[in-house]
Amino acid sequence: MAIYEFEGKRPVIGNGGFVYPEATIIGDVTIGEECYIGAGAVIRGDYGTVIIGNRTAIEENCVLHARPGEILKIGNDVTVGHAAILHNCTLDDFCIIGMGSIVSDYARVGEWAVVGEGAVVKNKTIIEPGQIVVGIPAKPVAQVNEDYKKQWTHFKSIYVDLARTRLVSGLKKIG
């Protein structure tokens, strides 16, 4: 992995997780325990601060960045899908950000909320807890139910297990 100190600020990576060698982590970044950081992810704490909670998955090719002197904050047990872009926003615990989505400056995605694939959560938008939003711009279409929470709790545990055990011991570069 490419981990860079920037102007005296070093990333802090919690125990029990996995960061792909092809991920890039720069500066004022804190990654919690048992997290999964996918190949090609870029997490930039050069201008601002990036904080990622425990058991969170940042999948392949995501880009995370904060404005100068500000914070991008991600809670615990969050899933950020492949190629999502997060900029200076807040994601509460258990939320799900779909593949290719964008969550922009000062937006907040509430606990257990879901941002559908390819959606754009515009500047300063508040997604209420448990809302499912889709589209450009993202608009509410449904509420998360208990079956959905059970299903996603299971999926999230698979990523934690992948990060904690299988990748650490089973990933072998062959080329």
C-alpha atoms as a PDB file:
ATOM      1  CA  MET A   1       0.000   0.000   0.000  1.00  0.00           C
ATOM      2  CA  ALA A   2       1.067   3.544  -0.590  1.00  0.00           C
ATOM      3  CA  ILE A   3       0.902   5.386   2.737  1.00  0.00           C
ATOM      4  CA  TYR A   4       2.220   8.921   2.795  1.00  0.00           C
ATOM      5  CA  GLU A   5       3.015  11.377   5.531  1.00  0.00           C
ATOM      6  CA  PHE A   6       2.024  14.903   4.517  1.00  0.00           C
ATOM      7  CA  GLU A   7       3.232  18.024   6.340  1.00  0.00           C
ATOM      8  CA  GLY A   8       3.884  16.002   9.492  1.00  0.00           C
ATOM      9  CA  LYS A   9       0.538  14.191   9.436  1.00  0.00           C
ATOM     10  CA  ARG A  10       0.601  10.399   9.194  1.00  0.00           C
ATOM     11  CA  PRO A  11      -2.292   8.035   8.531  1.00  0.00           C
ATOM     12  CA  VAL A  12      -3.367   5.851  11.455  1.00  0.00           C
ATOM     13  CA  ILE A  13      -4.742   2.429  10.526  1.00  0.00           C
ATOM     14  CA  GLY A  14      -6.573   0.314  13.110  1.00  0.00           C
ATOM     15  CA  ASN A  15      -5.954  -3.345  13.830  1.00  0.00           C
ATOM     16  CA  GLY A  16      -7.667  -6.348  12.319  1.00  0.00           C
ATOM     17  CA  GLY A  17      -8.414  -4.926   8.886  1.00  0.00           C
ATOM     18  CA  PHE A  18      -6.946  -5.086   5.436  1.00  0.00           C
ATOM     19  CA  VAL A  19      -5.667  -2.381   3.103  1.00  0.00           C
ATOM     20  CA  TYR A  20      -4.858  -3.511  -0.433  1.00  0.00           C
ATOM     21  CA  PRO A  21      -1.304  -2.760  -1.573  1.00  0.00           C
ATOM     22  CA  GLU A  22      -2.744  -0.704  -4.454  1.00  0.00           C
ATOM     23  CA  ALA A  23      -4.641   1.676  -2.129  1.00  0.00           C
ATOM     24  CA  THR A  24      -3.265   5.178  -1.482  1.00  0.00           C
ATOM     25  CA  ILE A  25      -3.639   6.832   1.921  1.00  0.00           C
ATOM     26  CA  ILE A  26      -2.258  10.329   2.461  1.00  0.00           C
ATOM     27  CA  GLY A  27      -1.842  12.541   5.528  1.00  0.00           C
ATOM     28  CA  ASP A  28      -4.451  13.173   8.212  1.00  0.00           C
ATOM     29  CA  VAL A  29      -6.428   9.937   7.857  1.00  0.00           C
ATOM     30  CA  THR A  30      -7.693   7.685  10.645  1.00  0.00           C
ATOM     31  CA  ILE A  31      -9.044   4.248   9.715  1.00  0.00           C
ATOM     32  CA  GLY A  32     -10.797   2.236  12.427  1.00  0.00           C
ATOM     33  CA  GLU A  33     -10.508  -1.401  13.473  1.00  0.00           C
ATOM     34  CA  GLU A  34     -11.425  -4.289  11.132  1.00  0.00           C
ATOM     35  CA  CYS A  35     -11.863  -2.123   8.042  1.00  0.00           C
ATOM     36  CA  TYR A  36     -11.536  -3.153   4.412  1.00  0.00           C
ATOM     37  CA  ILE A  37      -9.849  -0.713   2.021  1.00  0.00           C
ATOM     38  CA  GLY A  38     -10.024  -1.928  -1.588  1.00  0.00           C
ATOM     39  CA  ALA A  39      -7.499  -1.777  -4.394  1.00  0.00           C
ATOM     40  CA  GLY A  40      -7.323   1.604  -6.098  1.00  0.00           C
ATOM     41  CA  ALA A  41      -8.992   3.461  -3.213  1.00  0.00           C
ATOM     42  CA  VAL A  42      -7.543   6.934  -2.679  1.00  0.00           C
ATOM     43  CA  ILE A  43      -8.033   8.474   0.764  1.00  0.00           C
ATOM     44  CA  ARG A  44      -6.586  11.992   0.885  1.00  0.00           C
ATOM     45  CA  GLY A  45      -6.039  13.767   4.175  1.00  0.00           C
ATOM     46  CA  ASP A  46      -3.767  16.386   2.644  1.00  0.00           C
ATOM     47  CA  TYR A  47      -6.001  19.474   2.888  1.00  0.00           C
ATOM     48  CA  GLY A  48      -8.415  18.229   5.525  1.00  0.00           C
ATOM     49  CA  THR A  49      -9.079  15.240   7.775  1.00  0.00           C
ATOM     50  CA  VAL A  50     -10.627  11.869   6.901  1.00  0.00           C
ATOM     51  CA  ILE A  51     -12.001   9.705   9.732  1.00  0.00           C
ATOM     52  CA  ILE A  52     -13.322   6.195   9.026  1.00  0.00           C
ATOM     53  CA  GLY A  53     -15.057   4.193  11.775  1.00  0.00           C
ATOM     54  CA  ASN A  54     -14.735   0.528  12.683  1.00  0.00           C
ATOM     55  CA  ARG A  55     -15.792  -2.386  10.443  1.00  0.00           C
ATOM     56  CA  THR A  56     -16.273  -0.108   7.463  1.00  0.00           C
ATOM     57  CA  ALA A  57     -15.656  -1.201   3.869  1.00  0.00           C
ATOM     58  CA  ILE A  58     -14.247   1.281   1.366  1.00  0.00           C
ATOM     59  CA  GLU A  59     -14.416  -0.751  -1.829  1.00  0.00           C
ATOM     60  CA  GLU A  60     -12.227  -0.615  -4.924  1.00  0.00           C
ATOM     61  CA  ASN A  61     -11.509   2.700  -6.685  1.00  0.00           C
ATOM     62  CA  CYS A  62     -13.283   4.951  -4.175  1.00  0.00           C
ATOM     63  CA  VAL A  63     -12.052   8.525  -3.726  1.00  0.00           C
ATOM     64  CA  LEU A  64     -12.334  10.215  -0.300  1.00  0.00           C
ATOM     65  CA  HIS A  65     -11.259  13.804   0.342  1.00  0.00           C
ATOM     66  CA  ALA A  66     -11.996  16.729   2.659  1.00  0.00           C
ATOM     67  CA  ARG A  67     -11.835  20.481   2.147  1.00  0.00           C
ATOM     68  CA  PRO A  68      -8.945  22.444   3.685  1.00  0.00           C
ATOM     69  CA  GLY A  69      -9.214  22.375   7.469  1.00  0.00           C
ATOM     70  CA  GLU A  70     -12.465  20.371   7.394  1.00  0.00           C
ATOM     71  CA  ILE A  71     -13.520  16.758   7.977  1.00  0.00           C
ATOM     72  CA  LEU A  72     -14.944  13.878   5.965  1.00  0.00           C
ATOM     73  CA  LYS A  73     -16.367  11.530   8.594  1.00  0.00           C
ATOM     74  CA  ILE A  74     -17.586   7.972   8.077  1.00  0.00           C
ATOM     75  CA  GLY A  75     -19.217   6.022  10.900  1.00  0.00           C
ATOM     76  CA  ASN A  76     -19.020   2.394  11.932  1.00  0.00           C
ATOM     77  CA  ASP A  77     -20.266  -0.530   9.815  1.00  0.00           C
ATOM     78  CA  VAL A  78     -20.594   1.541   6.648  1.00  0.00           C
ATOM     79  CA  THR A  79     -20.295   0.112   3.137  1.00  0.00           C
ATOM     80  CA  VAL A  80     -19.000   2.431   0.411  1.00  0.00           C
ATOM     81  CA  GLY A  81     -19.455   0.723  -2.969  1.00  0.00           C
ATOM     82  CA  HIS A  82     -16.957   0.476  -5.802  1.00  0.00           C
ATOM     83  CA  ALA A  83     -15.894   3.779  -7.395  1.00  0.00           C
ATOM     84  CA  ALA A  84     -17.932   6.027  -5.090  1.00  0.00           C
ATOM     85  CA  ILE A  85     -16.722   9.590  -4.504  1.00  0.00           C
ATOM     86  CA  LEU A  86     -17.068  11.144  -1.045  1.00  0.00           C
ATOM     87  CA  HIS A  87     -16.110  14.780  -0.562  1.00  0.00           C
ATOM     88  CA  ASN A  88     -16.272  16.596   2.767  1.00  0.00           C
ATOM     89  CA  CYS A  89     -19.451  14.819   3.871  1.00  0.00           C
ATOM     90  CA  THR A  90     -20.683  12.814   6.880  1.00  0.00           C
ATOM     91  CA  LEU A  91     -21.876   9.209   6.712  1.00  0.00           C
ATOM     92  CA  ASP A  92     -23.577   7.890   9.843  1.00  0.00           C
ATOM     93  CA  ASP A  93     -23.325   4.307  11.126  1.00  0.00           C
ATOM     94  CA  PHE A  94     -24.611   1.409   8.993  1.00  0.00           C
ATOM     95  CA  CYS A  95     -25.325   3.479   5.896  1.00  0.00           C
ATOM     96  CA  ILE A  96     -24.697   2.112   2.430  1.00  0.00           C
ATOM     97  CA  ILE A  97     -23.317   4.108  -0.485  1.00  0.00           C
ATOM     98  CA  GLY A  98     -23.956   2.432  -3.831  1.00  0.00           C
ATOM     99  CA  MET A  99     -21.393   1.839  -6.550  1.00  0.00           C
ATOM    100  CA  GLY A 100     -20.460   4.928  -8.551  1.00  0.00           C
ATOM    101  CA  SER A 101     -22.338   7.317  -6.265  1.00  0.00           C
ATOM    102  CA  ILE A 102     -21.217  10.810  -5.321  1.00  0.00           C
ATOM    103  CA  VAL A 103     -21.814  12.351  -1.895  1.00  0.00           C
ATOM    104  CA  SER A 104     -20.810  16.000  -1.994  1.00  0.00           C
ATOM    105  CA  ASP A 105     -19.731  18.736   0.403  1.00  0.00           C
ATOM    106  CA  TYR A 106     -21.601  19.113   3.700  1.00  0.00           C
ATOM    107  CA  ALA A 107     -24.103  16.391   2.820  1.00  0.00           C
ATOM    108  CA  ARG A 108     -25.104  13.971   5.563  1.00  0.00           C
ATOM    109  CA  VAL A 109     -26.299  10.401   5.065  1.00  0.00           C
ATOM    110  CA  GLY A 110     -28.187   9.176   8.136  1.00  0.00           C
ATOM    111  CA  GLU A 111     -27.934   5.890   9.980  1.00  0.00           C
ATOM    112  CA  TRP A 112     -29.061   2.912   7.866  1.00  0.00           C
ATOM    113  CA  ALA A 113     -29.767   5.194   4.900  1.00  0.00           C
ATOM    114  CA  VAL A 114     -29.004   3.856   1.420  1.00  0.00           C
ATOM    115  CA  VAL A 115     -27.703   5.874  -1.521  1.00  0.00           C
ATOM    116  CA  GLY A 116     -28.478   3.880  -4.673  1.00  0.00           C
ATOM    117  CA  GLU A 117     -25.939   3.093  -7.374  1.00  0.00           C
ATOM    118  CA  GLY A 118     -24.891   6.104  -9.433  1.00  0.00           C
ATOM    119  CA  ALA A 119     -26.870   8.567  -7.307  1.00  0.00           C
ATOM    120  CA  VAL A 120     -25.650  12.089  -6.617  1.00  0.00           C
ATOM    121  CA  VAL A 121     -26.196  13.519  -3.133  1.00  0.00           C
ATOM    122  CA  LYS A 122     -25.737  17.219  -3.725  1.00  0.00           C
ATOM    123  CA  ASN A 123     -24.045  19.808  -1.530  1.00  0.00           C
ATOM    124  CA  LYS A 124     -25.704  20.251   1.917  1.00  0.00           C
ATOM    125  CA  THR A 125     -28.353  17.544   1.312  1.00  0.00           C
ATOM    126  CA  ILE A 126     -29.557  15.622   4.370  1.00  0.00           C
ATOM    127  CA  ILE A 127     -30.578  12.003   3.809  1.00  0.00           C
ATOM    128  CA  GLU A 128     -32.718  11.009   6.795  1.00  0.00           C
ATOM    129  CA  PRO A 129     -31.982   7.800   8.729  1.00  0.00           C
ATOM    130  CA  GLY A 130     -33.376   4.731   6.984  1.00  0.00           C
ATOM    131  CA  GLN A 131     -34.192   6.490   3.707  1.00  0.00           C
ATOM    132  CA  ILE A 132     -33.375   4.891   0.382  1.00  0.00           C
ATOM    133  CA  VAL A 133     -32.472   7.513  -2.223  1.00  0.00           C
ATOM    134  CA  VAL A 134     -31.743   7.189  -5.932  1.00  0.00           C
ATOM    135  CA  GLY A 135     -31.171   9.405  -8.946  1.00  0.00           C
ATOM    136  CA  ILE A 136     -29.530  12.670  -9.906  1.00  0.00           C
ATOM    137  CA  PRO A 137     -30.074  14.500  -7.669  1.00  0.00           C
ATOM    138  CA  ALA A 138     -30.792  11.774  -5.093  1.00  0.00           C
ATOM    139  CA  LYS A 139     -34.461  11.637  -4.021  1.00  0.00           C
ATOM    140  CA  PRO A 140     -36.177   9.376  -1.458  1.00  0.00           C
ATOM    141  CA  VAL A 141     -37.986   6.342  -2.903  1.00  0.00           C
ATOM    142  CA  ALA A 142     -38.446   4.014   0.094  1.00  0.00           C
ATOM    143  CA  GLN A 143     -37.564   3.219   3.710  1.00  0.00           C
ATOM    144  CA  VAL A 144     -35.200   0.490   4.915  1.00  0.00           C
ATOM    145  CA  ASN A 145     -37.064  -2.358   6.644  1.00  0.00           C
ATOM    146  CA  GLU A 146     -35.898  -4.907   9.224  1.00  0.00           C
ATOM    147  CA  ASP A 147     -35.307  -7.646   6.618  1.00  0.00           C
ATOM    148  CA  TYR A 148     -33.016  -5.297   4.705  1.00  0.00           C
ATOM    149  CA  LYS A 149     -31.068  -4.531   7.897  1.00  0.00           C
ATOM    150  CA  LYS A 150     -30.618  -8.254   8.630  1.00  0.00           C
ATOM    151  CA  GLN A 151     -29.437  -8.923   5.083  1.00  0.00           C
ATOM    152  CA  TRP A 152     -26.935  -6.041   5.103  1.00  0.00           C
ATOM    153  CA  THR A 153     -25.686  -6.900   8.583  1.00  0.00           C
ATOM    154  CA  HIS A 154     -24.781 -10.310   7.156  1.00  0.00           C
ATOM    155  CA  PHE A 155     -23.096  -8.778   4.070  1.00  0.00           C
ATOM    156  CA  LYS A 156     -21.092  -6.395   6.264  1.00  0.00           C
ATOM    157  CA  SER A 157     -19.878  -9.304   8.415  1.00  0.00           C
ATOM    158  CA  ILE A 158     -18.577 -10.981   5.240  1.00  0.00           C
ATOM    159  CA  TYR A 159     -16.371  -7.943   4.491  1.00  0.00           C
ATOM    160  CA  VAL A 160     -15.108  -7.827   8.078  1.00  0.00           C
ATOM    161  CA  ASP A 161     -14.226 -11.525   7.872  1.00  0.00           C
ATOM    162  CA  LEU A 162     -12.578 -11.015   4.474  1.00  0.00           C
ATOM    163  CA  ALA A 163     -10.457  -8.167   5.826  1.00  0.00           C
ATOM    164  CA  ARG A 164      -9.579  -9.792   9.137  1.00  0.00           C
ATOM    165  CA  THR A 165      -8.689 -13.303   8.063  1.00  0.00           C
ATOM    166  CA  ARG A 166      -8.958 -14.376   4.461  1.00  0.00           C
ATOM    167  CA  LEU A 167      -7.060 -11.560   2.731  1.00  0.00           C
ATOM    168  CA  VAL A 168      -4.343 -11.345   5.343  1.00  0.00           C
ATOM    169  CA  SER A 169      -3.506 -15.025   5.024  1.00  0.00           C
ATOM    170  CA  GLY A 170      -4.733 -15.928   1.541  1.00  0.00           C
ATOM    171  CA  LEU A 171      -3.742 -13.123  -0.824  1.00  0.00           C
ATOM    172  CA  LYS A 172      -0.626 -14.022  -2.798  1.00  0.00           C
ATOM    173  CA  LYS A 173       0.749 -11.877  -5.607  1.00  0.00           C
ATOM    174  CA  ILE A 174       1.724 -14.056  -8.582  1.00  0.00           C
ATOM    175  CA  GLY A 175       2.735 -11.532 -11.209  1.00  0.00           C
END
